[in-house]
Amino acid sequence: MAEGSAVNDLLYPERVLIGGDQTPEGLAAVEALKDIYTRWIPEEKMVLTNTWSSELSKLVSFCDTAFDMCGSELSFPQFKEIVTVFHQYFAEKYLFNDLTHNR
């Protein structure tokens, strides 16, 4: 979502990515969210996936946004460094969440 377009983005998204654990509870949660979104968004615009894949998709989206914001001023090594930092952050976050959830 971009500043000033949150309501429009919610009502008319390009796609909706829903990720969850591949457990009975996680799959039920993904299905519940899908049921909510299908009230105004066609199913073909929805991507259902696992938690890790949805986090990686978020990472790619953030990196794309960072690259767009910096434009041509960002060199490939700088972009690669941004991707590495985001990847480490999300990998640690996912691992931490997974470890604390399964204690």
C-alpha atoms as a PDB file:
ATOM      1  CA  MET A   1       0.000   0.000   0.000  1.00  0.00           C
ATOM      2  CA  ALA A   2       1.127   3.506  -0.754  1.00  0.00           C
ATOM      3  CA  GLU A   3       0.442   6.633   1.242  1.00  0.00           C
ATOM      4  CA  GLY A   4      -2.934   8.109   0.369  1.00  0.00           C
ATOM      5  CA  SER A   5      -4.207   4.997  -1.399  1.00  0.00           C
ATOM      6  CA  ALA A   6      -4.788   2.527   1.450  1.00  0.00           C
ATOM      7  CA  VAL A   7      -8.572   2.276   1.043  1.00  0.00           C
ATOM      8  CA  ASN A   8      -8.367   1.949  -2.741  1.00  0.00           C
ATOM      9  CA  ASP A   9      -5.569  -0.637  -2.419  1.00  0.00           C
ATOM     10  CA  LEU A  10      -7.668  -2.634   0.044  1.00  0.00           C
ATOM     11  CA  LEU A  11     -10.754  -2.545  -2.168  1.00  0.00           C
ATOM     12  CA  TYR A  12      -8.947  -3.165  -5.487  1.00  0.00           C
ATOM     13  CA  PRO A  13      -5.678  -5.021  -4.835  1.00  0.00           C
ATOM     14  CA  GLU A  14      -3.514  -6.413  -7.617  1.00  0.00           C
ATOM     15  CA  ARG A  15      -3.251  -9.600  -5.577  1.00  0.00           C
ATOM     16  CA  VAL A  16      -3.673 -10.879  -2.036  1.00  0.00           C
ATOM     17  CA  LEU A  17      -0.980 -13.107  -0.550  1.00  0.00           C
ATOM     18  CA  ILE A  18      -2.056 -15.224   2.415  1.00  0.00           C
ATOM     19  CA  GLY A  19       0.552 -17.350   4.157  1.00  0.00           C
ATOM     20  CA  GLY A  20       0.254 -19.677   7.085  1.00  0.00           C
ATOM     21  CA  ASP A  21       1.701 -22.687   8.805  1.00  0.00           C
ATOM     22  CA  GLN A  22       1.110 -26.015   7.109  1.00  0.00           C
ATOM     23  CA  THR A  23      -0.694 -27.408  10.152  1.00  0.00           C
ATOM     24  CA  PRO A  24      -4.420 -28.011  10.567  1.00  0.00           C
ATOM     25  CA  GLU A  25      -4.705 -24.766  12.548  1.00  0.00           C
ATOM     26  CA  GLY A  26      -2.604 -22.781  10.074  1.00  0.00           C
ATOM     27  CA  LEU A  27      -4.503 -24.097   7.061  1.00  0.00           C
ATOM     28  CA  ALA A  28      -7.793 -23.256   8.784  1.00  0.00           C
ATOM     29  CA  ALA A  29      -6.545 -19.702   9.426  1.00  0.00           C
ATOM     30  CA  VAL A  30      -5.522 -19.288   5.779  1.00  0.00           C
ATOM     31  CA  GLU A  31      -8.922 -20.565   4.669  1.00  0.00           C
ATOM     32  CA  ALA A  32     -10.712 -18.192   7.084  1.00  0.00           C
ATOM     33  CA  LEU A  33      -8.813 -15.191   5.682  1.00  0.00           C
ATOM     34  CA  LYS A  34      -9.525 -16.338   2.138  1.00  0.00           C
ATOM     35  CA  ASP A  35     -13.245 -16.543   2.971  1.00  0.00           C
ATOM     36  CA  ILE A  36     -13.172 -12.953   4.254  1.00  0.00           C
ATOM     37  CA  TYR A  37     -11.348 -11.608   1.189  1.00  0.00           C
ATOM     38  CA  THR A  38     -13.555 -13.460  -1.325  1.00  0.00           C
ATOM     39  CA  ARG A  39     -16.438 -11.227  -0.278  1.00  0.00           C
ATOM     40  CA  TRP A  40     -14.991  -8.510  -2.541  1.00  0.00           C
ATOM     41  CA  ILE A  41     -11.895  -9.928  -4.242  1.00  0.00           C
ATOM     42  CA  PRO A  42     -11.987 -12.660  -6.905  1.00  0.00           C
ATOM     43  CA  GLU A  43     -10.237 -15.908  -5.921  1.00  0.00           C
ATOM     44  CA  GLU A  44      -7.956 -15.722  -8.954  1.00  0.00           C
ATOM     45  CA  LYS A  45      -6.282 -12.689  -7.359  1.00  0.00           C
ATOM     46  CA  MET A  46      -5.392 -14.693  -4.234  1.00  0.00           C
ATOM     47  CA  VAL A  47      -2.183 -16.582  -3.635  1.00  0.00           C
ATOM     48  CA  LEU A  48      -2.246 -19.064  -0.757  1.00  0.00           C
ATOM     49  CA  THR A  49       1.120 -20.249   0.498  1.00  0.00           C
ATOM     50  CA  ASN A  50       3.135 -21.239   3.535  1.00  0.00           C
ATOM     51  CA  THR A  51       4.537 -18.774   6.058  1.00  0.00           C
ATOM     52  CA  TRP A  52       8.114 -18.853   4.756  1.00  0.00           C
ATOM     53  CA  SER A  53       7.094 -18.193   1.149  1.00  0.00           C
ATOM     54  CA  SER A  54       4.861 -15.305   2.173  1.00  0.00           C
ATOM     55  CA  GLU A  55       7.714 -13.777   4.215  1.00  0.00           C
ATOM     56  CA  LEU A  56      10.085 -14.103   1.251  1.00  0.00           C
ATOM     57  CA  SER A  57       7.502 -12.451  -0.976  1.00  0.00           C
ATOM     58  CA  LYS A  58       7.324  -9.575   1.480  1.00  0.00           C
ATOM     59  CA  LEU A  59      11.123  -9.360   1.386  1.00  0.00           C
ATOM     60  CA  VAL A  60      11.144  -9.138  -2.399  1.00  0.00           C
ATOM     61  CA  SER A  61       8.440  -6.478  -2.306  1.00  0.00           C
ATOM     62  CA  PHE A  62      10.408  -4.389   0.207  1.00  0.00           C
ATOM     63  CA  CYS A  63      13.567  -4.711  -1.878  1.00  0.00           C
ATOM     64  CA  ASP A  64      11.686  -3.687  -4.996  1.00  0.00           C
ATOM     65  CA  THR A  65      10.309  -0.658  -3.171  1.00  0.00           C
ATOM     66  CA  ALA A  66      13.791   0.265  -1.902  1.00  0.00           C
ATOM     67  CA  PHE A  67      15.201  -0.055  -5.403  1.00  0.00           C
ATOM     68  CA  ASP A  68      12.393   2.102  -6.852  1.00  0.00           C
ATOM     69  CA  MET A  69      12.913   4.749  -4.166  1.00  0.00           C
ATOM     70  CA  CYS A  70      16.643   4.972  -4.877  1.00  0.00           C
ATOM     71  CA  GLY A  71      16.198   4.775  -8.635  1.00  0.00           C
ATOM     72  CA  SER A  72      19.303   4.863 -10.744  1.00  0.00           C
ATOM     73  CA  GLU A  73      21.410   6.072  -7.798  1.00  0.00           C
ATOM     74  CA  LEU A  74      21.525   2.524  -6.401  1.00  0.00           C
ATOM     75  CA  SER A  75      24.264   0.277  -7.760  1.00  0.00           C
ATOM     76  CA  PHE A  76      23.881  -3.482  -8.021  1.00  0.00           C
ATOM     77  CA  PRO A  77      26.285  -4.165  -5.100  1.00  0.00           C
ATOM     78  CA  GLN A  78      24.251  -1.775  -2.919  1.00  0.00           C
ATOM     79  CA  PHE A  79      21.020  -3.482  -3.986  1.00  0.00           C
ATOM     80  CA  LYS A  80      22.569  -6.885  -3.250  1.00  0.00           C
ATOM     81  CA  GLU A  81      23.566  -5.637   0.215  1.00  0.00           C
ATOM     82  CA  ILE A  82      19.994  -4.477   0.890  1.00  0.00           C
ATOM     83  CA  VAL A  83      18.657  -7.865  -0.183  1.00  0.00           C
ATOM     84  CA  THR A  84      21.158  -9.632   2.086  1.00  0.00           C
ATOM     85  CA  VAL A  85      20.210  -7.508   5.102  1.00  0.00           C
ATOM     86  CA  PHE A  86      16.489  -8.055   4.515  1.00  0.00           C
ATOM     87  CA  HIS A  87      17.054 -11.780   4.013  1.00  0.00           C
ATOM     88  CA  GLN A  88      18.986 -12.071   7.283  1.00  0.00           C
ATOM     89  CA  TYR A  89      16.311 -10.098   9.120  1.00  0.00           C
ATOM     90  CA  PHE A  90      13.441 -12.221   7.854  1.00  0.00           C
ATOM     91  CA  ALA A  91      15.336 -15.489   8.281  1.00  0.00           C
ATOM     92  CA  GLU A  92      16.100 -14.608  11.910  1.00  0.00           C
ATOM     93  CA  LYS A  93      12.555 -13.376  12.502  1.00  0.00           C
ATOM     94  CA  TYR A  94      11.055 -16.519  11.020  1.00  0.00           C
ATOM     95  CA  LEU A  95      13.440 -18.791  12.931  1.00  0.00           C
ATOM     96  CA  PHE A  96      12.781 -16.908  16.200  1.00  0.00           C
ATOM     97  CA  ASN A  97       9.012 -17.050  15.697  1.00  0.00           C
ATOM     98  CA  ASP A  98       9.197 -20.741  14.814  1.00  0.00           C
ATOM     99  CA  LEU A  99      11.382 -21.572  17.829  1.00  0.00           C
ATOM    100  CA  THR A 100       9.262 -19.630  20.323  1.00  0.00           C
ATOM    101  CA  HIS A 101       6.021 -20.993  18.862  1.00  0.00           C
ATOM    102  CA  ASN A 102       7.170 -24.627  19.169  1.00  0.00           C
ATOM    103  CA  ARG A 103       8.484 -24.511  22.766  1.00  0.00           C
END
